[in-house]
Amino acid sequence: MLREFKEFAMRGNVLDMAIGIIIGAAFGKIITSLVGDILMPPIGLILGKVDFSSLFLNISGKSYDTLAAAKAAGAATINYGLFLNAVIDFVIVAFVIFLLVRQVNKWKTPAPAAATTTKDCPYCCTAIPMQATRCPNCTSDVRKN
């Protein structure tokens, strides 16, 4: 059983998938930082000094000045600012992956078509070698084709 597991784990596609998941998780952290630390502050500044991560809707009935204060009190809140950050994060990741897949598809060249080695006899429609001058099945002369 150990040998079978080793063969399974060492197959190329399993290793490729594991590497992809690890790199994808690290890439996700980079994009989250890009959105939260680089993109959202200027956007918030343009929209009137709004910090999206602190936008929330208090549904507990009590008044709280900040999301941190509401969370510390255990109040029920709808954190739509964090949701907006997550949506922008997703859109950026999806766009970057789209660009990456698009570029990889451009790099792939289609496999050249295999050279044909046979042709069909015009009389009996069986496959014969390209160099044949007479069909071995119906004995017709195929030089003119």
N, C-alpha and C. Protein backbone atom coordinates (compact mmCIF):
# COMPACT_ATOMS: atom_id res chain seq x y z
N MET A 1 0.82 -1.18 0.00
CA MET A 1 0.00 0.00 0.00
C MET A 1 0.88 1.26 0.00
N LEU A 2 1.97 1.24 0.73
CA LEU A 2 2.88 2.38 0.78
C LEU A 2 3.47 2.66 -0.60
N ARG A 3 3.83 1.58 -1.31
CA ARG A 3 4.39 1.74 -2.65
C ARG A 3 3.36 2.36 -3.60
N GLU A 4 2.11 1.91 -3.52
CA GLU A 4 1.06 2.47 -4.36
C GLU A 4 0.84 3.94 -4.06
N PHE A 5 0.87 4.30 -2.78
CA PHE A 5 0.70 5.70 -2.40
C PHE A 5 1.85 6.54 -2.95
N LYS A 6 3.07 6.01 -2.87
CA LYS A 6 4.24 6.73 -3.37
C LYS A 6 4.11 6.95 -4.89
N GLU A 7 3.66 5.92 -5.62
CA GLU A 7 3.48 6.05 -7.06
C GLU A 7 2.41 7.10 -7.38
N PHE A 8 1.32 7.10 -6.59
CA PHE A 8 0.26 8.08 -6.79
C PHE A 8 0.76 9.49 -6.52
N ALA A 9 1.46 9.67 -5.41
CA ALA A 9 1.92 11.00 -5.01
C ALA A 9 2.99 11.54 -5.94
N MET A 10 3.76 10.67 -6.56
CA MET A 10 4.86 11.13 -7.40
C MET A 10 4.46 11.28 -8.86
N ARG A 11 3.21 11.01 -9.19
CA ARG A 11 2.76 11.25 -10.55
C ARG A 11 2.82 12.75 -10.82
N GLY A 12 3.13 13.12 -12.03
CA GLY A 12 3.32 14.52 -12.37
C GLY A 12 2.12 15.39 -12.07
N ASN A 13 0.91 14.93 -12.41
CA ASN A 13 -0.25 15.80 -12.23
C ASN A 13 -0.56 16.05 -10.76
N VAL A 14 -0.28 15.11 -9.86
CA VAL A 14 -0.52 15.32 -8.43
C VAL A 14 0.47 16.34 -7.89
N LEU A 15 1.73 16.22 -8.28
CA LEU A 15 2.73 17.19 -7.84
C LEU A 15 2.43 18.58 -8.40
N ASP A 16 2.02 18.64 -9.65
CA ASP A 16 1.67 19.92 -10.26
C ASP A 16 0.52 20.57 -9.51
N MET A 17 -0.48 19.76 -9.15
CA MET A 17 -1.63 20.29 -8.43
C MET A 17 -1.22 20.81 -7.06
N ALA A 18 -0.38 20.06 -6.35
CA ALA A 18 0.06 20.49 -5.02
C ALA A 18 0.85 21.80 -5.11
N ILE A 19 1.73 21.89 -6.08
CA ILE A 19 2.51 23.12 -6.27
C ILE A 19 1.58 24.28 -6.61
N GLY A 20 0.60 24.02 -7.47
CA GLY A 20 -0.36 25.06 -7.83
C GLY A 20 -1.15 25.57 -6.64
N ILE A 21 -1.55 24.67 -5.75
CA ILE A 21 -2.31 25.07 -4.57
C ILE A 21 -1.45 25.91 -3.64
N ILE A 22 -0.22 25.51 -3.44
CA ILE A 22 0.68 26.25 -2.54
C ILE A 22 0.97 27.64 -3.11
N ILE A 23 1.29 27.71 -4.39
CA ILE A 23 1.57 29.00 -5.01
C ILE A 23 0.30 29.86 -5.05
N GLY A 24 -0.84 29.23 -5.30
CA GLY A 24 -2.10 29.96 -5.32
C GLY A 24 -2.43 30.58 -3.97
N ALA A 25 -2.17 29.84 -2.88
CA ALA A 25 -2.43 30.38 -1.54
C ALA A 25 -1.52 31.57 -1.26
N ALA A 26 -0.25 31.45 -1.63
CA ALA A 26 0.68 32.57 -1.42
C ALA A 26 0.28 33.77 -2.29
N PHE A 27 -0.13 33.50 -3.51
CA PHE A 27 -0.55 34.55 -4.43
C PHE A 27 -1.79 35.25 -3.88
N GLY A 28 -2.71 34.48 -3.28
CA GLY A 28 -3.91 35.05 -2.68
C GLY A 28 -3.58 36.02 -1.57
N LYS A 29 -2.59 35.70 -0.76
CA LYS A 29 -2.17 36.61 0.31
C LYS A 29 -1.61 37.90 -0.26
N ILE A 30 -0.85 37.79 -1.33
CA ILE A 30 -0.29 38.99 -1.97
C ILE A 30 -1.41 39.87 -2.51
N ILE A 31 -2.38 39.28 -3.17
CA ILE A 31 -3.49 40.05 -3.73
C ILE A 31 -4.32 40.68 -2.62
N THR A 32 -4.56 39.95 -1.53
CA THR A 32 -5.30 40.51 -0.40
C THR A 32 -4.58 41.74 0.16
N SER A 33 -3.27 41.65 0.28
CA SER A 33 -2.49 42.79 0.75
C SER A 33 -2.55 43.94 -0.25
N LEU A 34 -2.46 43.61 -1.54
CA LEU A 34 -2.55 44.64 -2.58
C LEU A 34 -3.87 45.39 -2.47
N VAL A 35 -4.97 44.66 -2.32
CA VAL A 35 -6.28 45.29 -2.24
C VAL A 35 -6.41 46.10 -0.97
N GLY A 36 -6.14 45.48 0.19
CA GLY A 36 -6.35 46.13 1.47
C GLY A 36 -5.37 47.25 1.78
N ASP A 37 -4.12 47.08 1.38
CA ASP A 37 -3.08 48.03 1.79
C ASP A 37 -2.69 49.05 0.72
N ILE A 38 -2.94 48.73 -0.56
CA ILE A 38 -2.48 49.62 -1.63
C ILE A 38 -3.65 50.25 -2.40
N LEU A 39 -4.62 49.42 -2.81
CA LEU A 39 -5.70 49.95 -3.65
C LEU A 39 -6.82 50.64 -2.88
N MET A 40 -7.26 50.05 -1.79
CA MET A 40 -8.42 50.59 -1.09
C MET A 40 -8.16 51.93 -0.39
N PRO A 41 -6.99 52.18 0.19
CA PRO A 41 -6.79 53.50 0.81
C PRO A 41 -6.93 54.67 -0.18
N PRO A 42 -6.32 54.63 -1.38
CA PRO A 42 -6.54 55.75 -2.31
C PRO A 42 -7.99 55.85 -2.78
N ILE A 43 -8.63 54.70 -3.01
CA ILE A 43 -10.04 54.73 -3.42
C ILE A 43 -10.89 55.35 -2.31
N GLY A 44 -10.63 54.96 -1.07
CA GLY A 44 -11.34 55.53 0.07
C GLY A 44 -11.09 57.02 0.20
N LEU A 45 -9.86 57.46 -0.09
CA LEU A 45 -9.53 58.88 -0.02
C LEU A 45 -10.29 59.66 -1.09
N ILE A 46 -10.35 59.10 -2.28
CA ILE A 46 -11.08 59.75 -3.38
C ILE A 46 -12.56 59.86 -3.05
N LEU A 47 -13.10 58.84 -2.39
CA LEU A 47 -14.54 58.82 -2.07
C LEU A 47 -14.87 59.56 -0.77
N GLY A 48 -13.95 60.31 -0.23
CA GLY A 48 -14.23 61.12 0.94
C GLY A 48 -13.66 60.57 2.23
N LYS A 49 -12.43 60.10 2.16
CA LYS A 49 -11.71 59.58 3.33
C LYS A 49 -12.48 58.45 4.01
N VAL A 50 -12.90 57.48 3.21
CA VAL A 50 -13.64 56.33 3.71
C VAL A 50 -12.69 55.15 3.83
N ASP A 51 -12.68 54.51 5.00
CA ASP A 51 -11.94 53.26 5.18
C ASP A 51 -12.94 52.13 5.01
N PHE A 52 -12.87 51.42 3.88
CA PHE A 52 -13.86 50.39 3.58
C PHE A 52 -13.90 49.29 4.64
N SER A 53 -12.76 48.97 5.21
CA SER A 53 -12.73 47.88 6.19
C SER A 53 -13.49 48.24 7.46
N SER A 54 -13.78 49.51 7.70
CA SER A 54 -14.50 49.90 8.90
C SER A 54 -15.98 50.18 8.64
N LEU A 55 -16.44 49.98 7.42
CA LEU A 55 -17.85 50.19 7.12
C LEU A 55 -18.67 49.01 7.63
N PHE A 56 -19.69 49.31 8.41
CA PHE A 56 -20.54 48.25 8.94
C PHE A 56 -21.92 48.80 9.22
N LEU A 57 -22.85 47.88 9.31
CA LEU A 57 -24.23 48.21 9.66
C LEU A 57 -24.52 47.51 10.97
N ASN A 58 -24.84 48.28 11.98
CA ASN A 58 -25.10 47.75 13.31
C ASN A 58 -26.56 47.29 13.38
N ILE A 59 -26.79 46.02 13.64
CA ILE A 59 -28.17 45.52 13.73
C ILE A 59 -28.53 45.08 15.15
N SER A 60 -27.70 45.46 16.11
CA SER A 60 -27.96 45.06 17.50
C SER A 60 -28.86 46.04 18.24
N GLY A 61 -29.04 47.24 17.72
CA GLY A 61 -29.89 48.21 18.37
C GLY A 61 -29.11 49.23 19.19
N LYS A 62 -27.90 48.93 19.59
CA LYS A 62 -27.07 49.88 20.33
C LYS A 62 -26.16 50.62 19.35
N SER A 63 -25.65 51.75 19.78
CA SER A 63 -24.82 52.57 18.91
C SER A 63 -23.34 52.35 19.23
N TYR A 64 -22.55 52.13 18.16
CA TYR A 64 -21.10 51.96 18.29
C TYR A 64 -20.43 52.85 17.24
N ASP A 65 -19.35 53.48 17.65
CA ASP A 65 -18.65 54.39 16.74
C ASP A 65 -17.80 53.66 15.70
N THR A 66 -17.21 52.54 16.10
CA THR A 66 -16.33 51.81 15.19
C THR A 66 -16.70 50.33 15.16
N LEU A 67 -16.26 49.69 14.13
CA LEU A 67 -16.47 48.25 14.00
C LEU A 67 -15.75 47.51 15.11
N ALA A 68 -14.57 47.97 15.47
CA ALA A 68 -13.81 47.33 16.55
C ALA A 68 -14.58 47.40 17.87
N ALA A 69 -15.19 48.54 18.14
CA ALA A 69 -15.97 48.69 19.37
C ALA A 69 -17.19 47.77 19.35
N ALA A 70 -17.84 47.65 18.20
CA ALA A 70 -19.01 46.78 18.08
C ALA A 70 -18.61 45.32 18.26
N LYS A 71 -17.49 44.94 17.68
CA LYS A 71 -17.02 43.55 17.84
C LYS A 71 -16.61 43.27 19.27
N ALA A 72 -15.97 44.25 19.92
CA ALA A 72 -15.56 44.06 21.31
C ALA A 72 -16.76 43.89 22.22
N ALA A 73 -17.87 44.55 21.89
CA ALA A 73 -19.08 44.43 22.69
C ALA A 73 -19.90 43.20 22.30
N GLY A 74 -19.50 42.52 21.24
CA GLY A 74 -20.21 41.33 20.78
C GLY A 74 -21.51 41.67 20.07
N ALA A 75 -21.59 42.86 19.50
CA ALA A 75 -22.81 43.29 18.80
C ALA A 75 -22.89 42.63 17.43
N ALA A 76 -24.11 42.41 16.99
CA ALA A 76 -24.35 41.84 15.66
C ALA A 76 -24.20 42.94 14.63
N THR A 77 -23.32 42.71 13.65
CA THR A 77 -23.06 43.72 12.62
C THR A 77 -23.02 43.07 11.25
N ILE A 78 -23.35 43.87 10.25
CA ILE A 78 -23.17 43.45 8.86
C ILE A 78 -21.97 44.24 8.35
N ASN A 79 -20.89 43.54 8.09
CA ASN A 79 -19.61 44.16 7.73
C ASN A 79 -19.49 44.30 6.21
N TYR A 80 -20.25 45.20 5.62
CA TYR A 80 -20.25 45.31 4.17
C TYR A 80 -18.95 45.90 3.63
N GLY A 81 -18.20 46.62 4.41
CA GLY A 81 -16.90 47.14 3.96
C GLY A 81 -15.91 46.01 3.74
N LEU A 82 -15.88 45.06 4.67
CA LEU A 82 -15.01 43.89 4.50
C LEU A 82 -15.46 43.05 3.30
N PHE A 83 -16.78 43.00 3.10
CA PHE A 83 -17.30 42.27 1.94
C PHE A 83 -16.85 42.95 0.64
N LEU A 84 -16.91 44.28 0.59
CA LEU A 84 -16.44 45.00 -0.60
C LEU A 84 -14.96 44.72 -0.87
N ASN A 85 -14.16 44.71 0.20
CA ASN A 85 -12.74 44.37 0.03
C ASN A 85 -12.58 42.97 -0.55
N ALA A 86 -13.37 42.02 -0.05
CA ALA A 86 -13.28 40.64 -0.55
C ALA A 86 -13.70 40.54 -2.01
N VAL A 87 -14.74 41.30 -2.40
CA VAL A 87 -15.19 41.28 -3.79
C VAL A 87 -14.12 41.86 -4.71
N ILE A 88 -13.52 42.97 -4.33
CA ILE A 88 -12.46 43.57 -5.14
C ILE A 88 -11.26 42.64 -5.21
N ASP A 89 -10.94 42.00 -4.10
CA ASP A 89 -9.87 41.01 -4.04
C ASP A 89 -10.13 39.90 -5.05
N PHE A 90 -11.37 39.36 -5.06
CA PHE A 90 -11.73 38.28 -5.98
C PHE A 90 -11.63 38.73 -7.43
N VAL A 91 -12.13 39.93 -7.73
CA VAL A 91 -12.10 40.42 -9.12
C VAL A 91 -10.66 40.54 -9.60
N ILE A 92 -9.79 41.04 -8.76
CA ILE A 92 -8.38 41.18 -9.16
C ILE A 92 -7.74 39.81 -9.38
N VAL A 93 -7.97 38.87 -8.46
CA VAL A 93 -7.41 37.52 -8.62
C VAL A 93 -7.94 36.88 -9.89
N ALA A 94 -9.24 36.97 -10.14
CA ALA A 94 -9.83 36.38 -11.34
C ALA A 94 -9.25 37.00 -12.60
N PHE A 95 -9.05 38.32 -12.60
CA PHE A 95 -8.50 39.00 -13.77
C PHE A 95 -7.05 38.58 -14.02
N VAL A 96 -6.27 38.50 -12.97
CA VAL A 96 -4.87 38.09 -13.12
C VAL A 96 -4.78 36.65 -13.62
N ILE A 97 -5.62 35.77 -13.09
CA ILE A 97 -5.62 34.38 -13.55
C ILE A 97 -6.04 34.32 -15.01
N PHE A 98 -7.05 35.12 -15.38
CA PHE A 98 -7.47 35.18 -16.78
C PHE A 98 -6.30 35.59 -17.68
N LEU A 99 -5.57 36.64 -17.28
CA LEU A 99 -4.43 37.08 -18.08
C LEU A 99 -3.35 36.02 -18.17
N LEU A 100 -3.12 35.32 -17.05
CA LEU A 100 -2.11 34.27 -17.03
C LEU A 100 -2.49 33.11 -17.95
N VAL A 101 -3.73 32.65 -17.86
CA VAL A 101 -4.18 31.54 -18.71
C VAL A 101 -4.16 31.96 -20.17
N ARG A 102 -4.56 33.19 -20.43
CA ARG A 102 -4.55 33.70 -21.81
C ARG A 102 -3.13 33.68 -22.38
N GLN A 103 -2.15 34.11 -21.58
CA GLN A 103 -0.77 34.13 -22.05
C GLN A 103 -0.23 32.71 -22.25
N VAL A 104 -0.53 31.82 -21.34
CA VAL A 104 -0.07 30.43 -21.48
C VAL A 104 -0.66 29.80 -22.73
N ASN A 105 -1.93 30.09 -23.02
CA ASN A 105 -2.55 29.56 -24.23
C ASN A 105 -1.91 30.11 -25.49
N LYS A 106 -1.41 31.35 -25.44
CA LYS A 106 -0.71 31.91 -26.59
C LYS A 106 0.64 31.23 -26.80
N TRP A 107 1.28 30.83 -25.70
CA TRP A 107 2.59 30.17 -25.80
C TRP A 107 2.47 28.77 -26.39
N LYS A 108 1.36 28.13 -26.15
CA LYS A 108 1.18 26.77 -26.66
C LYS A 108 0.99 26.84 -28.17
N THR A 109 1.81 26.08 -28.87
CA THR A 109 1.65 26.01 -30.31
C THR A 109 0.94 24.71 -30.63
N PRO A 110 0.03 24.74 -31.57
CA PRO A 110 -0.66 23.50 -31.89
C PRO A 110 0.32 22.47 -32.45
N ALA A 111 0.07 21.23 -32.12
CA ALA A 111 0.95 20.15 -32.59
C ALA A 111 0.83 20.06 -34.11
N PRO A 112 1.95 19.91 -34.79
CA PRO A 112 1.87 19.80 -36.25
C PRO A 112 1.10 18.55 -36.66
N ALA A 113 0.35 18.70 -37.70
CA ALA A 113 -0.44 17.57 -38.19
C ALA A 113 0.49 16.47 -38.69
N ALA A 114 0.13 15.27 -38.36
CA ALA A 114 0.94 14.13 -38.80
C ALA A 114 0.85 14.01 -40.32
N ALA A 115 1.97 13.73 -40.92
CA ALA A 115 1.98 13.57 -42.37
C ALA A 115 1.18 12.34 -42.75
N THR A 116 0.36 12.50 -43.75
CA THR A 116 -0.46 11.36 -44.18
C THR A 116 0.42 10.35 -44.90
N THR A 117 0.21 9.10 -44.58
CA THR A 117 1.00 8.03 -45.20
C THR A 117 0.14 7.16 -46.10
N THR A 118 -1.16 7.42 -46.09
CA THR A 118 -2.05 6.63 -46.94
C THR A 118 -3.00 7.54 -47.71
N LYS A 119 -3.58 6.98 -48.75
CA LYS A 119 -4.63 7.66 -49.50
C LYS A 119 -5.71 6.63 -49.80
N ASP A 120 -6.88 7.11 -50.15
CA ASP A 120 -7.96 6.18 -50.46
C ASP A 120 -7.95 5.83 -51.94
N CYS A 121 -8.17 4.56 -52.22
CA CYS A 121 -8.30 4.11 -53.61
C CYS A 121 -9.60 4.71 -54.15
N PRO A 122 -9.54 5.37 -55.30
CA PRO A 122 -10.75 6.00 -55.83
C PRO A 122 -11.81 5.00 -56.31
N TYR A 123 -11.43 3.73 -56.40
CA TYR A 123 -12.37 2.73 -56.91
C TYR A 123 -13.01 1.91 -55.80
N CYS A 124 -12.22 1.46 -54.85
CA CYS A 124 -12.78 0.61 -53.79
C CYS A 124 -12.76 1.28 -52.42
N CYS A 125 -12.21 2.48 -52.32
CA CYS A 125 -12.19 3.31 -51.10
C CYS A 125 -11.44 2.68 -49.93
N THR A 126 -10.50 1.83 -50.17
CA THR A 126 -9.67 1.29 -49.10
C THR A 126 -8.39 2.12 -49.00
N ALA A 127 -7.81 2.14 -47.82
CA ALA A 127 -6.58 2.90 -47.61
C ALA A 127 -5.40 2.16 -48.21
N ILE A 128 -4.61 2.90 -48.99
CA ILE A 128 -3.42 2.31 -49.62
C ILE A 128 -2.25 3.26 -49.38
N PRO A 129 -1.01 2.77 -49.43
CA PRO A 129 0.15 3.66 -49.24
C PRO A 129 0.19 4.76 -50.30
N MET A 130 0.74 5.92 -49.92
CA MET A 130 0.82 7.05 -50.84
C MET A 130 1.61 6.72 -52.11
N GLN A 131 2.64 5.87 -52.00
CA GLN A 131 3.49 5.56 -53.14
C GLN A 131 2.90 4.48 -54.07
N ALA A 132 1.78 3.91 -53.66
CA ALA A 132 1.21 2.80 -54.45
C ALA A 132 0.77 3.29 -55.82
N THR A 133 1.02 2.45 -56.83
CA THR A 133 0.55 2.75 -58.18
C THR A 133 -0.62 1.85 -58.58
N ARG A 134 -0.79 0.79 -57.80
CA ARG A 134 -1.90 -0.12 -58.06
C ARG A 134 -2.50 -0.52 -56.71
N CYS A 135 -3.82 -0.55 -56.62
CA CYS A 135 -4.50 -0.91 -55.37
C CYS A 135 -4.34 -2.41 -55.14
N PRO A 136 -3.87 -2.83 -53.95
CA PRO A 136 -3.70 -4.25 -53.69
C PRO A 136 -5.04 -4.98 -53.49
N ASN A 137 -6.11 -4.23 -53.29
CA ASN A 137 -7.41 -4.88 -53.06
C ASN A 137 -8.20 -5.08 -54.35
N CYS A 138 -8.31 -4.03 -55.17
CA CYS A 138 -9.11 -4.15 -56.40
C CYS A 138 -8.24 -4.16 -57.65
N THR A 139 -6.94 -4.03 -57.49
CA THR A 139 -5.93 -4.02 -58.56
C THR A 139 -6.11 -2.89 -59.59
N SER A 140 -6.80 -1.84 -59.19
CA SER A 140 -6.98 -0.70 -60.10
C SER A 140 -5.71 0.13 -60.16
N ASP A 141 -5.49 0.78 -61.28
CA ASP A 141 -4.35 1.68 -61.45
C ASP A 141 -4.68 3.01 -60.76
N VAL A 142 -3.87 3.41 -59.77
CA VAL A 142 -4.15 4.63 -59.00
C VAL A 142 -3.07 5.69 -59.23
N ARG A 143 -2.27 5.59 -60.27
CA ARG A 143 -1.21 6.56 -60.53
C ARG A 143 -1.73 7.94 -60.84
N LYS A 144 -2.85 8.07 -61.45
CA LYS A 144 -3.36 9.40 -61.84
C LYS A 144 -3.98 10.16 -60.66
N ASN A 145 -4.08 9.56 -59.52
CA ASN A 145 -4.70 10.23 -58.35
C ASN A 145 -3.67 10.67 -57.37
